[in-house]
Amino acid sequence: MTFSIFNKQIVKITKLDLPGEASHYKMAPIERLKELTKQSLKKNKAKRASVMVLFYPNKAGETHLALILRKTYKGVHSAQVGFPGGRQEVSDLSSRHTALRETQEEIGVLQEDIRVLKKLTKIYIPPSNFFVEPFIGICEKTPQFILQQTEVEALIEVKISDLLDDGIYCTRRLSTSYATDIEVPAYILNTHVVWGATAMMLSEVRELLKQLYNH
């Protein structure tokens, strides 16, 4: 899909109701659902983070979504696919500001070049005890990506046509921070297995976009 067409249609997303947690649960391992329920009482003590679901045109003018492959490190999200984003700092003015700041830090897209359209349903991540707020943002020109070497292993540029293709759904047997060798729902994007919180947030994004194009 060309970005010029996408950019005209995406503004309608602001008027759509959020699919909410029901869309998250479609991509949640069953063990995670139990964990989410068990941990719900601890949410008041959770740390805060924000991520950016960033759409932009590539040099050919086609719509893409930016994902990142995180570095391998000693932590629960090591070597996983995610959105640019991170922890809310005391100096941040809002969760929206966190998403913009972290996106600039991690992939080099300037905050002033991103138009934030909508806040999505927040999600609780038990392994790291974070509440994450996702935002949909648009960059109307092809970004000059600069990756944060300490945090980001690679940029994953996903075509919107691939994101909306139901053929990306799969299941994989994985070991997580709270369960060993379990079958989890996932998406295959650019040969990467996307699961867990990122897949859960992507599920809501996919549902919103499909609502948009079915109207």
N, C-alpha and C. Protein backbone atom coordinates (compact mmCIF):
# COMPACT_ATOMS: atom_id res chain seq x y z
N MET A 1 0.84 -1.20 0.00
CA MET A 1 0.00 0.00 0.00
C MET A 1 0.88 1.25 0.00
N THR A 2 0.54 2.18 -0.91
CA THR A 2 1.35 3.40 -0.95
C THR A 2 1.08 4.23 0.30
N PHE A 3 2.08 4.96 0.74
CA PHE A 3 1.95 5.74 1.96
C PHE A 3 0.96 6.88 1.78
N SER A 4 0.87 7.44 0.59
CA SER A 4 -0.06 8.56 0.37
C SER A 4 -1.50 8.12 0.63
N ILE A 5 -1.85 6.91 0.19
CA ILE A 5 -3.20 6.38 0.45
C ILE A 5 -3.36 6.06 1.94
N PHE A 6 -2.36 5.37 2.50
CA PHE A 6 -2.40 5.01 3.91
C PHE A 6 -2.56 6.25 4.80
N ASN A 7 -1.81 7.29 4.49
CA ASN A 7 -1.79 8.50 5.32
C ASN A 7 -3.15 9.20 5.32
N LYS A 8 -3.88 9.10 4.22
CA LYS A 8 -5.22 9.70 4.16
C LYS A 8 -6.23 8.89 4.97
N GLN A 9 -6.04 7.57 4.99
CA GLN A 9 -7.00 6.70 5.67
C GLN A 9 -6.73 6.57 7.17
N ILE A 10 -5.47 6.62 7.56
CA ILE A 10 -5.10 6.30 8.95
C ILE A 10 -5.68 7.30 9.94
N VAL A 11 -5.93 8.54 9.50
CA VAL A 11 -6.47 9.54 10.44
C VAL A 11 -7.83 9.10 10.99
N LYS A 12 -8.55 8.26 10.25
CA LYS A 12 -9.86 7.79 10.71
C LYS A 12 -9.74 6.88 11.93
N ILE A 13 -8.51 6.41 12.18
CA ILE A 13 -8.30 5.48 13.30
C ILE A 13 -8.58 6.15 14.64
N THR A 14 -8.47 7.48 14.66
CA THR A 14 -8.71 8.21 15.91
C THR A 14 -10.16 8.07 16.38
N LYS A 15 -11.06 7.76 15.45
CA LYS A 15 -12.48 7.67 15.79
C LYS A 15 -12.92 6.24 16.15
N LEU A 16 -12.01 5.28 15.96
CA LEU A 16 -12.36 3.88 16.23
C LEU A 16 -12.19 3.54 17.71
N ASP A 17 -13.09 2.72 18.23
CA ASP A 17 -12.94 2.21 19.59
C ASP A 17 -11.81 1.19 19.62
N LEU A 18 -11.09 1.14 20.73
CA LEU A 18 -10.00 0.17 20.87
C LEU A 18 -10.55 -1.24 21.06
N PRO A 19 -9.98 -2.22 20.37
CA PRO A 19 -10.38 -3.62 20.60
C PRO A 19 -10.09 -4.07 22.03
N GLY A 20 -9.03 -3.49 22.64
CA GLY A 20 -8.74 -3.74 24.05
C GLY A 20 -8.09 -5.08 24.35
N GLU A 21 -8.23 -5.50 25.60
CA GLU A 21 -7.54 -6.70 26.08
C GLU A 21 -7.97 -7.96 25.33
N ALA A 22 -9.18 -7.97 24.79
CA ALA A 22 -9.63 -9.15 24.04
C ALA A 22 -8.70 -9.42 22.86
N SER A 23 -8.20 -8.35 22.23
CA SER A 23 -7.26 -8.53 21.12
C SER A 23 -5.90 -9.01 21.64
N HIS A 24 -5.50 -8.55 22.82
CA HIS A 24 -4.25 -9.00 23.42
C HIS A 24 -4.29 -10.51 23.68
N TYR A 25 -5.41 -10.95 24.25
CA TYR A 25 -5.48 -12.35 24.69
C TYR A 25 -5.41 -13.34 23.53
N LYS A 26 -5.76 -12.89 22.32
CA LYS A 26 -5.66 -13.78 21.16
C LYS A 26 -4.22 -14.22 20.91
N MET A 27 -3.25 -13.39 21.36
CA MET A 27 -1.85 -13.70 21.13
C MET A 27 -1.10 -13.97 22.43
N ALA A 28 -1.84 -14.27 23.49
CA ALA A 28 -1.23 -14.52 24.79
C ALA A 28 -1.15 -16.02 25.06
N PRO A 29 0.04 -16.53 25.43
CA PRO A 29 0.13 -17.93 25.87
C PRO A 29 -0.81 -18.16 27.05
N ILE A 30 -1.40 -19.33 27.14
CA ILE A 30 -2.37 -19.60 28.21
C ILE A 30 -1.74 -19.43 29.58
N GLU A 31 -0.46 -19.79 29.73
CA GLU A 31 0.22 -19.59 31.01
C GLU A 31 0.30 -18.11 31.35
N ARG A 32 0.43 -17.30 30.30
CA ARG A 32 0.52 -15.86 30.54
C ARG A 32 -0.81 -15.32 31.07
N LEU A 33 -1.92 -15.86 30.58
CA LEU A 33 -3.21 -15.40 31.07
C LEU A 33 -3.34 -15.66 32.57
N LYS A 34 -2.88 -16.84 33.00
CA LYS A 34 -2.90 -17.16 34.43
C LYS A 34 -2.02 -16.19 35.20
N GLU A 35 -0.84 -15.93 34.63
CA GLU A 35 0.11 -15.03 35.29
C GLU A 35 -0.43 -13.61 35.37
N LEU A 36 -1.06 -13.16 34.29
CA LEU A 36 -1.64 -11.82 34.28
C LEU A 36 -2.70 -11.67 35.36
N THR A 37 -3.51 -12.71 35.52
CA THR A 37 -4.55 -12.69 36.55
C THR A 37 -3.94 -12.65 37.94
N LYS A 38 -2.93 -13.48 38.15
CA LYS A 38 -2.28 -13.57 39.45
C LYS A 38 -1.58 -12.27 39.83
N GLN A 39 -1.01 -11.62 38.81
CA GLN A 39 -0.22 -10.42 39.07
C GLN A 39 -1.06 -9.14 39.11
N SER A 40 -2.33 -9.24 38.76
CA SER A 40 -3.13 -8.02 38.61
C SER A 40 -3.16 -7.16 39.87
N LEU A 41 -3.08 -7.81 41.04
CA LEU A 41 -3.12 -7.04 42.29
C LEU A 41 -1.85 -6.23 42.52
N LYS A 42 -0.79 -6.57 41.79
CA LYS A 42 0.49 -5.87 41.98
C LYS A 42 0.65 -4.70 41.02
N LYS A 43 -0.36 -4.43 40.21
CA LYS A 43 -0.19 -3.43 39.16
C LYS A 43 0.12 -2.03 39.69
N ASN A 44 -0.35 -1.73 40.88
CA ASN A 44 -0.10 -0.40 41.42
C ASN A 44 1.38 -0.13 41.65
N LYS A 45 2.17 -1.19 41.77
CA LYS A 45 3.60 -1.04 42.01
C LYS A 45 4.42 -1.24 40.74
N ALA A 46 3.74 -1.38 39.62
CA ALA A 46 4.44 -1.64 38.36
C ALA A 46 5.18 -0.40 37.88
N LYS A 47 6.30 -0.65 37.19
CA LYS A 47 7.03 0.44 36.54
C LYS A 47 6.30 0.82 35.26
N ARG A 48 6.64 1.96 34.71
CA ARG A 48 5.94 2.47 33.52
C ARG A 48 6.88 2.55 32.32
N ALA A 49 6.32 2.22 31.16
CA ALA A 49 7.09 2.33 29.92
C ALA A 49 6.12 2.67 28.79
N SER A 50 6.67 3.14 27.69
CA SER A 50 5.86 3.45 26.50
C SER A 50 6.61 2.99 25.26
N VAL A 51 5.84 2.61 24.23
CA VAL A 51 6.44 2.22 22.96
C VAL A 51 5.71 2.92 21.82
N MET A 52 6.39 2.96 20.66
CA MET A 52 5.82 3.62 19.50
C MET A 52 5.60 2.62 18.36
N VAL A 53 4.35 2.56 17.89
CA VAL A 53 4.01 1.77 16.71
C VAL A 53 4.12 2.75 15.53
N LEU A 54 5.29 2.77 14.89
CA LEU A 54 5.60 3.83 13.94
C LEU A 54 5.45 3.37 12.49
N PHE A 55 4.57 4.06 11.76
CA PHE A 55 4.40 3.82 10.33
C PHE A 55 5.07 4.94 9.54
N TYR A 56 5.61 4.58 8.38
CA TYR A 56 6.37 5.56 7.59
C TYR A 56 6.49 5.06 6.15
N PRO A 57 6.83 5.94 5.19
CA PRO A 57 7.06 5.49 3.83
C PRO A 57 8.53 5.09 3.63
N ASN A 58 8.76 4.00 2.91
CA ASN A 58 10.14 3.72 2.53
C ASN A 58 10.50 4.57 1.31
N LYS A 59 11.67 4.41 0.76
CA LYS A 59 12.11 5.27 -0.34
C LYS A 59 11.27 5.09 -1.60
N ALA A 60 10.59 3.93 -1.70
CA ALA A 60 9.71 3.69 -2.84
C ALA A 60 8.29 4.20 -2.59
N GLY A 61 8.07 4.78 -1.39
CA GLY A 61 6.75 5.32 -1.07
C GLY A 61 5.76 4.31 -0.56
N GLU A 62 6.24 3.11 -0.16
CA GLU A 62 5.36 2.07 0.38
C GLU A 62 5.32 2.15 1.90
N THR A 63 4.18 1.85 2.49
CA THR A 63 4.00 1.96 3.94
C THR A 63 4.70 0.82 4.67
N HIS A 64 5.46 1.17 5.70
CA HIS A 64 6.16 0.19 6.52
C HIS A 64 5.95 0.49 8.01
N LEU A 65 6.18 -0.52 8.82
CA LEU A 65 6.15 -0.42 10.28
C LEU A 65 7.55 -0.73 10.81
N ALA A 66 7.98 0.03 11.80
CA ALA A 66 9.32 -0.16 12.38
C ALA A 66 9.26 -1.04 13.62
N LEU A 67 9.96 -2.17 13.57
CA LEU A 67 10.20 -3.00 14.75
C LEU A 67 11.70 -3.06 14.97
N ILE A 68 12.11 -3.47 16.16
CA ILE A 68 13.53 -3.59 16.44
C ILE A 68 13.84 -4.97 17.02
N LEU A 69 15.04 -5.43 16.75
CA LEU A 69 15.57 -6.63 17.40
C LEU A 69 16.49 -6.16 18.51
N ARG A 70 16.15 -6.53 19.74
CA ARG A 70 16.95 -6.06 20.87
C ARG A 70 18.25 -6.85 20.99
N LYS A 71 19.22 -6.21 21.59
CA LYS A 71 20.51 -6.84 21.82
C LYS A 71 20.37 -8.04 22.75
N THR A 72 21.33 -8.93 22.69
CA THR A 72 21.40 -10.05 23.63
C THR A 72 22.04 -9.54 24.92
N TYR A 73 21.34 -9.73 26.02
CA TYR A 73 21.84 -9.25 27.32
C TYR A 73 21.22 -10.09 28.41
N LYS A 74 21.65 -9.87 29.64
CA LYS A 74 21.08 -10.60 30.77
C LYS A 74 19.80 -9.90 31.22
N GLY A 75 18.70 -10.31 30.64
CA GLY A 75 17.42 -9.69 30.97
C GLY A 75 16.29 -10.45 30.30
N VAL A 76 15.05 -10.14 30.71
CA VAL A 76 13.90 -10.93 30.26
C VAL A 76 13.54 -10.68 28.80
N HIS A 77 14.00 -9.57 28.23
CA HIS A 77 13.64 -9.26 26.84
C HIS A 77 14.84 -9.38 25.90
N SER A 78 15.85 -10.11 26.32
CA SER A 78 17.05 -10.29 25.51
C SER A 78 16.73 -10.90 24.15
N ALA A 79 17.31 -10.31 23.08
CA ALA A 79 17.23 -10.83 21.71
C ALA A 79 15.79 -11.00 21.21
N GLN A 80 14.87 -10.22 21.74
CA GLN A 80 13.48 -10.30 21.30
C GLN A 80 13.14 -9.17 20.33
N VAL A 81 12.10 -9.40 19.53
CA VAL A 81 11.59 -8.36 18.64
C VAL A 81 10.61 -7.49 19.43
N GLY A 82 10.72 -6.19 19.27
CA GLY A 82 9.83 -5.29 19.97
C GLY A 82 9.63 -3.99 19.21
N PHE A 83 8.91 -3.08 19.84
CA PHE A 83 8.75 -1.74 19.30
C PHE A 83 9.82 -0.83 19.90
N PRO A 84 10.21 0.23 19.20
CA PRO A 84 11.07 1.22 19.87
C PRO A 84 10.32 1.80 21.06
N GLY A 85 11.02 1.95 22.16
CA GLY A 85 10.38 2.47 23.37
C GLY A 85 11.16 2.07 24.60
N GLY A 86 10.65 2.45 25.76
CA GLY A 86 11.36 2.10 26.98
C GLY A 86 10.75 2.73 28.21
N ARG A 87 11.51 2.71 29.27
CA ARG A 87 11.07 3.12 30.60
C ARG A 87 10.77 4.62 30.67
N GLN A 88 9.72 4.94 31.40
CA GLN A 88 9.39 6.34 31.64
C GLN A 88 10.37 6.93 32.66
N GLU A 89 10.94 8.08 32.30
CA GLU A 89 11.87 8.79 33.18
C GLU A 89 11.12 9.87 33.94
N VAL A 90 11.68 10.27 35.07
CA VAL A 90 11.05 11.31 35.90
C VAL A 90 10.88 12.60 35.12
N SER A 91 11.81 12.87 34.22
CA SER A 91 11.78 14.12 33.45
C SER A 91 10.76 14.10 32.31
N ASP A 92 10.20 12.92 31.99
CA ASP A 92 9.23 12.85 30.90
C ASP A 92 7.93 13.55 31.29
N LEU A 93 7.36 14.28 30.35
CA LEU A 93 6.15 15.05 30.62
C LEU A 93 4.90 14.17 30.66
N SER A 94 4.96 13.04 29.95
CA SER A 94 3.80 12.15 29.84
C SER A 94 4.27 10.82 29.26
N SER A 95 3.36 9.84 29.23
CA SER A 95 3.69 8.56 28.60
C SER A 95 3.91 8.75 27.10
N ARG A 96 3.19 9.66 26.50
CA ARG A 96 3.38 9.99 25.08
C ARG A 96 4.79 10.52 24.84
N HIS A 97 5.23 11.39 25.72
CA HIS A 97 6.58 11.95 25.62
C HIS A 97 7.63 10.86 25.75
N THR A 98 7.38 9.90 26.64
CA THR A 98 8.31 8.77 26.79
C THR A 98 8.47 8.02 25.48
N ALA A 99 7.34 7.72 24.83
CA ALA A 99 7.38 6.98 23.57
C ALA A 99 8.17 7.75 22.50
N LEU A 100 7.94 9.05 22.41
CA LEU A 100 8.63 9.87 21.43
C LEU A 100 10.13 9.94 21.73
N ARG A 101 10.46 10.20 22.99
CA ARG A 101 11.87 10.32 23.38
C ARG A 101 12.62 9.02 23.14
N GLU A 102 12.03 7.91 23.56
CA GLU A 102 12.70 6.62 23.41
C GLU A 102 12.85 6.23 21.95
N THR A 103 11.86 6.58 21.12
CA THR A 103 11.96 6.27 19.69
C THR A 103 13.11 7.03 19.06
N GLN A 104 13.26 8.29 19.44
CA GLN A 104 14.39 9.06 18.92
C GLN A 104 15.72 8.47 19.39
N GLU A 105 15.77 8.08 20.67
CA GLU A 105 17.01 7.52 21.21
C GLU A 105 17.36 6.19 20.56
N GLU A 106 16.36 5.34 20.33
CA GLU A 106 16.66 3.97 19.88
C GLU A 106 16.82 3.83 18.37
N ILE A 107 16.03 4.59 17.60
CA ILE A 107 16.14 4.42 16.14
C ILE A 107 16.38 5.73 15.39
N GLY A 108 16.54 6.83 16.14
CA GLY A 108 16.99 8.07 15.52
C GLY A 108 15.93 8.90 14.82
N VAL A 109 14.64 8.56 14.94
CA VAL A 109 13.58 9.35 14.32
C VAL A 109 13.25 10.52 15.26
N LEU A 110 13.39 11.73 14.76
CA LEU A 110 13.21 12.92 15.60
C LEU A 110 11.78 13.02 16.12
N GLN A 111 11.65 13.45 17.37
CA GLN A 111 10.33 13.55 17.99
C GLN A 111 9.40 14.45 17.18
N GLU A 112 9.94 15.55 16.66
CA GLU A 112 9.10 16.50 15.92
C GLU A 112 8.65 15.96 14.56
N ASP A 113 9.26 14.87 14.11
CA ASP A 113 8.88 14.26 12.83
C ASP A 113 7.78 13.20 12.99
N ILE A 114 7.37 12.95 14.23
CA ILE A 114 6.35 11.92 14.48
C ILE A 114 5.04 12.56 14.90
N ARG A 115 3.98 12.24 14.18
CA ARG A 115 2.63 12.69 14.54
C ARG A 115 1.94 11.54 15.26
N VAL A 116 1.67 11.73 16.55
CA VAL A 116 1.02 10.68 17.34
C VAL A 116 -0.48 10.74 17.11
N LEU A 117 -1.04 9.61 16.69
CA LEU A 117 -2.46 9.56 16.34
C LEU A 117 -3.35 9.00 17.44
N LYS A 118 -2.86 7.98 18.15
CA LYS A 118 -3.76 7.29 19.08
C LYS A 118 -2.98 6.52 20.13
N LYS A 119 -3.49 6.55 21.35
CA LYS A 119 -2.94 5.70 22.41
C LYS A 119 -3.71 4.40 22.40
N LEU A 120 -2.99 3.30 22.45
CA LEU A 120 -3.61 1.98 22.44
C LEU A 120 -3.81 1.46 23.86
N THR A 121 -4.37 0.28 23.97
CA THR A 121 -4.64 -0.33 25.28
C THR A 121 -3.33 -0.68 25.97
N LYS A 122 -3.19 -0.23 27.20
CA LYS A 122 -1.95 -0.54 27.93
C LYS A 122 -1.91 -2.02 28.29
N ILE A 123 -0.73 -2.51 28.49
CA ILE A 123 -0.55 -3.93 28.75
C ILE A 123 0.42 -4.13 29.91
N TYR A 124 0.10 -5.09 30.75
CA TYR A 124 0.97 -5.41 31.88
C TYR A 124 1.87 -6.58 31.51
N ILE A 125 3.16 -6.43 31.79
CA ILE A 125 4.14 -7.46 31.46
C ILE A 125 4.71 -8.02 32.76
N PRO A 126 4.20 -9.18 33.20
CA PRO A 126 4.60 -9.73 34.50
C PRO A 126 6.11 -9.98 34.69
N PRO A 127 6.81 -10.56 33.69
CA PRO A 127 8.23 -10.89 33.94
C PRO A 127 9.08 -9.69 34.35
N SER A 128 8.78 -8.51 33.78
CA SER A 128 9.57 -7.33 34.11
C SER A 128 8.81 -6.34 34.99
N ASN A 129 7.54 -6.66 35.32
CA ASN A 129 6.70 -5.82 36.16
C ASN A 129 6.56 -4.41 35.57
N PHE A 130 6.24 -4.34 34.28
CA PHE A 130 6.05 -3.06 33.60
C PHE A 130 4.63 -2.95 33.08
N PHE A 131 4.08 -1.75 33.19
CA PHE A 131 2.88 -1.36 32.47
C PHE A 131 3.36 -0.63 31.22
N VAL A 132 3.00 -1.11 30.05
CA VAL A 132 3.45 -0.49 28.80
C VAL A 132 2.28 0.15 28.09
N GLU A 133 2.46 1.42 27.70
CA GLU A 133 1.45 2.13 26.92
C GLU A 133 1.94 2.30 25.49
N PRO A 134 1.26 1.69 24.51
CA PRO A 134 1.66 1.84 23.11
C PRO A 134 0.95 3.03 22.46
N PHE A 135 1.63 3.66 21.51
CA PHE A 135 1.06 4.77 20.74
C PHE A 135 1.26 4.49 19.25
N ILE A 136 0.26 4.83 18.45
CA ILE A 136 0.42 4.77 17.00
C ILE A 136 0.92 6.13 16.53
N GLY A 137 2.02 6.12 15.78
CA GLY A 137 2.59 7.35 15.26
C GLY A 137 2.89 7.24 13.78
N ILE A 138 2.93 8.40 13.13
CA ILE A 138 3.20 8.48 11.69
C ILE A 138 4.39 9.39 11.46
N CYS A 139 5.33 8.95 10.65
CA CYS A 139 6.40 9.80 10.15
C CYS A 139 6.14 9.96 8.66
N GLU A 140 5.92 11.17 8.21
CA GLU A 140 5.44 11.37 6.84
C GLU A 140 6.55 11.37 5.80
N LYS A 141 7.78 11.24 6.24
CA LYS A 141 8.89 11.14 5.28
C LYS A 141 9.74 9.92 5.65
N THR A 142 10.52 9.46 4.71
CA THR A 142 11.37 8.29 4.97
C THR A 142 12.41 8.66 6.03
N PRO A 143 12.40 7.98 7.19
CA PRO A 143 13.33 8.34 8.26
C PRO A 143 14.78 8.01 7.91
N GLN A 144 15.67 8.78 8.50
CA GLN A 144 17.10 8.45 8.47
C GLN A 144 17.39 7.72 9.78
N PHE A 145 17.26 6.42 9.76
CA PHE A 145 17.37 5.64 10.98
C PHE A 145 18.82 5.63 11.50
N ILE A 146 18.95 5.89 12.79
CA ILE A 146 20.24 5.77 13.47
C ILE A 146 20.00 4.90 14.70
N LEU A 147 20.55 3.70 14.71
CA LEU A 147 20.26 2.74 15.77
C LEU A 147 21.14 2.97 16.99
N GLN A 148 20.54 2.86 18.16
CA GLN A 148 21.27 2.97 19.42
C GLN A 148 22.07 1.68 19.62
N GLN A 149 23.36 1.77 19.50
CA GLN A 149 24.20 0.58 19.45
C GLN A 149 24.13 -0.27 20.71
N THR A 150 23.90 0.35 21.84
CA THR A 150 23.87 -0.40 23.11
C THR A 150 22.57 -1.16 23.32
N GLU A 151 21.50 -0.78 22.60
CA GLU A 151 20.18 -1.36 22.84
C GLU A 151 19.64 -2.16 21.66
N VAL A 152 19.95 -1.72 20.45
CA VAL A 152 19.28 -2.24 19.26
C VAL A 152 20.27 -3.01 18.38
N GLU A 153 19.93 -4.27 18.13
CA GLU A 153 20.75 -5.12 17.27
C GLU A 153 20.47 -4.85 15.79
N ALA A 154 19.17 -4.68 15.45
CA ALA A 154 18.80 -4.46 14.06
C ALA A 154 17.43 -3.80 13.97
N LEU A 155 17.21 -3.11 12.87
CA LEU A 155 15.90 -2.55 12.55
C LEU A 155 15.17 -3.55 11.66
N ILE A 156 13.88 -3.77 11.94
CA ILE A 156 13.06 -4.69 11.14
C ILE A 156 11.96 -3.86 10.49
N GLU A 157 12.03 -3.71 9.18
CA GLU A 157 11.08 -2.88 8.45
C GLU A 157 10.01 -3.78 7.82
N VAL A 158 8.80 -3.69 8.34
CA VAL A 158 7.72 -4.60 7.95
C VAL A 158 6.75 -3.90 7.00
N LYS A 159 6.50 -4.50 5.87
CA LYS A 159 5.49 -3.98 4.95
C LYS A 159 4.11 -4.10 5.59
N ILE A 160 3.28 -3.08 5.40
CA ILE A 160 1.94 -3.14 5.99
C ILE A 160 1.13 -4.29 5.40
N SER A 161 1.39 -4.63 4.14
CA SER A 161 0.68 -5.75 3.52
C SER A 161 1.04 -7.06 4.22
N ASP A 162 2.28 -7.20 4.67
CA ASP A 162 2.68 -8.39 5.43
C ASP A 162 2.04 -8.40 6.81
N LEU A 163 1.98 -7.23 7.45
CA LEU A 163 1.38 -7.12 8.78
C LEU A 163 -0.08 -7.55 8.76
N LEU A 164 -0.79 -7.22 7.71
CA LEU A 164 -2.23 -7.50 7.63
C LEU A 164 -2.54 -8.88 7.07
N ASP A 165 -1.54 -9.60 6.62
CA ASP A 165 -1.72 -10.93 6.06
C ASP A 165 -1.95 -11.94 7.18
N ASP A 166 -3.08 -12.64 7.17
CA ASP A 166 -3.38 -13.62 8.22
C ASP A 166 -2.43 -14.81 8.19
N GLY A 167 -1.69 -14.96 7.09
CA GLY A 167 -0.73 -16.05 6.98
C GLY A 167 0.48 -15.90 7.88
N ILE A 168 0.63 -14.73 8.53
CA ILE A 168 1.79 -14.54 9.42
C ILE A 168 1.59 -15.24 10.77
N TYR A 169 0.34 -15.65 11.06
CA TYR A 169 0.07 -16.30 12.36
C TYR A 169 0.66 -17.70 12.39
N CYS A 170 1.24 -18.06 13.54
CA CYS A 170 1.77 -19.40 13.72
C CYS A 170 1.82 -19.70 15.22
N THR A 171 2.23 -20.90 15.57
CA THR A 171 2.54 -21.22 16.97
C THR A 171 3.96 -21.77 17.02
N ARG A 172 4.61 -21.54 18.14
CA ARG A 172 5.98 -22.01 18.34
C ARG A 172 6.13 -22.55 19.76
N ARG A 173 6.97 -23.54 19.92
CA ARG A 173 7.28 -24.02 21.27
C ARG A 173 8.49 -23.26 21.76
N LEU A 174 8.31 -22.54 22.87
CA LEU A 174 9.36 -21.67 23.39
C LEU A 174 9.45 -21.82 24.90
N SER A 175 10.59 -21.43 25.43
CA SER A 175 10.74 -21.33 26.88
C SER A 175 10.75 -19.85 27.24
N THR A 176 9.87 -19.49 28.15
CA THR A 176 9.76 -18.08 28.54
C THR A 176 10.33 -17.91 29.95
N SER A 177 10.22 -16.68 30.43
CA SER A 177 10.74 -16.39 31.77
C SER A 177 9.89 -17.05 32.86
N TYR A 178 8.67 -17.51 32.50
CA TYR A 178 7.80 -18.09 33.52
C TYR A 178 7.27 -19.47 33.16
N ALA A 179 7.73 -20.04 32.04
CA ALA A 179 7.29 -21.39 31.67
C ALA A 179 8.29 -22.00 30.69
N THR A 180 8.48 -23.30 30.78
CA THR A 180 9.45 -23.99 29.94
C THR A 180 8.74 -24.82 28.87
N ASP A 181 9.21 -24.70 27.65
CA ASP A 181 8.73 -25.50 26.52
C ASP A 181 7.20 -25.47 26.41
N ILE A 182 6.67 -24.27 26.18
CA ILE A 182 5.22 -24.13 26.00
C ILE A 182 4.93 -23.68 24.56
N GLU A 183 3.73 -23.99 24.11
CA GLU A 183 3.32 -23.56 22.78
C GLU A 183 2.73 -22.16 22.89
N VAL A 184 3.27 -21.23 22.11
CA VAL A 184 2.80 -19.85 22.18
C VAL A 184 2.35 -19.39 20.80
N PRO A 185 1.31 -18.55 20.75
CA PRO A 185 0.92 -17.95 19.47
C PRO A 185 1.95 -16.90 19.09
N ALA A 186 2.19 -16.77 17.79
CA ALA A 186 3.23 -15.83 17.33
C ALA A 186 2.91 -15.36 15.92
N TYR A 187 3.63 -14.34 15.50
CA TYR A 187 3.61 -13.89 14.11
C TYR A 187 5.01 -14.09 13.53
N ILE A 188 5.06 -14.42 12.26
CA ILE A 188 6.33 -14.45 11.54
C ILE A 188 6.40 -13.20 10.66
N LEU A 189 7.33 -12.31 10.97
CA LEU A 189 7.50 -11.07 10.21
C LEU A 189 8.95 -10.93 9.79
N ASN A 190 9.18 -10.87 8.50
CA ASN A 190 10.56 -10.76 7.97
C ASN A 190 11.45 -11.87 8.53
N THR A 191 10.90 -13.06 8.63
CA THR A 191 11.56 -14.28 9.13
C THR A 191 11.75 -14.28 10.65
N HIS A 192 11.38 -13.22 11.34
CA HIS A 192 11.51 -13.16 12.80
C HIS A 192 10.24 -13.67 13.48
N VAL A 193 10.41 -14.40 14.58
CA VAL A 193 9.27 -14.85 15.38
C VAL A 193 8.93 -13.76 16.40
N VAL A 194 7.73 -13.23 16.29
CA VAL A 194 7.27 -12.15 17.18
C VAL A 194 6.20 -12.71 18.10
N TRP A 195 6.45 -12.69 19.40
CA TRP A 195 5.52 -13.31 20.34
C TRP A 195 5.46 -12.46 21.61
N GLY A 196 4.70 -12.93 22.58
CA GLY A 196 4.61 -12.22 23.86
C GLY A 196 3.93 -10.88 23.74
N ALA A 197 4.38 -9.91 24.54
CA ALA A 197 3.72 -8.61 24.62
C ALA A 197 3.69 -7.89 23.28
N THR A 198 4.77 -8.03 22.49
CA THR A 198 4.80 -7.35 21.19
C THR A 198 3.72 -7.91 20.27
N ALA A 199 3.57 -9.23 20.23
CA ALA A 199 2.51 -9.84 19.42
C ALA A 199 1.13 -9.44 19.93
N MET A 200 0.99 -9.33 21.24
CA MET A 200 -0.30 -8.94 21.82
C MET A 200 -0.67 -7.52 21.40
N MET A 201 0.31 -6.62 21.42
CA MET A 201 0.04 -5.24 20.98
C MET A 201 -0.20 -5.18 19.48
N LEU A 202 0.56 -5.96 18.72
CA LEU A 202 0.36 -6.01 17.27
C LEU A 202 -1.04 -6.52 16.91
N SER A 203 -1.57 -7.42 17.72
CA SER A 203 -2.91 -7.94 17.49
C SER A 203 -3.94 -6.82 17.51
N GLU A 204 -3.79 -5.90 18.47
CA GLU A 204 -4.71 -4.77 18.54
C GLU A 204 -4.52 -3.84 17.33
N VAL A 205 -3.27 -3.61 16.94
CA VAL A 205 -3.00 -2.76 15.78
C VAL A 205 -3.62 -3.36 14.53
N ARG A 206 -3.45 -4.67 14.35
CA ARG A 206 -4.02 -5.36 13.18
C ARG A 206 -5.55 -5.23 13.16
N GLU A 207 -6.17 -5.39 14.32
CA GLU A 207 -7.64 -5.31 14.36
C GLU A 207 -8.12 -3.90 14.02
N LEU A 208 -7.42 -2.89 14.51
CA LEU A 208 -7.79 -1.51 14.19
C LEU A 208 -7.66 -1.24 12.69
N LEU A 209 -6.54 -1.66 12.12
CA LEU A 209 -6.31 -1.43 10.69
C LEU A 209 -7.34 -2.17 9.84
N LYS A 210 -7.70 -3.37 10.26
CA LYS A 210 -8.69 -4.13 9.49
C LYS A 210 -10.08 -3.49 9.60
N GLN A 211 -10.39 -2.94 10.77
CA GLN A 211 -11.64 -2.17 10.92
C GLN A 211 -11.64 -1.00 9.95
N LEU A 212 -10.51 -0.34 9.88
CA LEU A 212 -10.36 0.86 9.05
C LEU A 212 -10.61 0.55 7.59
N TYR A 213 -10.04 -0.55 7.13
CA TYR A 213 -10.13 -0.87 5.71
C TYR A 213 -11.43 -1.58 5.36
N ASN A 214 -12.17 -2.03 6.38
CA ASN A 214 -13.47 -2.65 6.11
C ASN A 214 -14.61 -1.64 6.14
N HIS A 215 -14.28 -0.42 6.58
CA HIS A 215 -15.34 0.62 6.64
C HIS A 215 -15.59 1.17 5.24
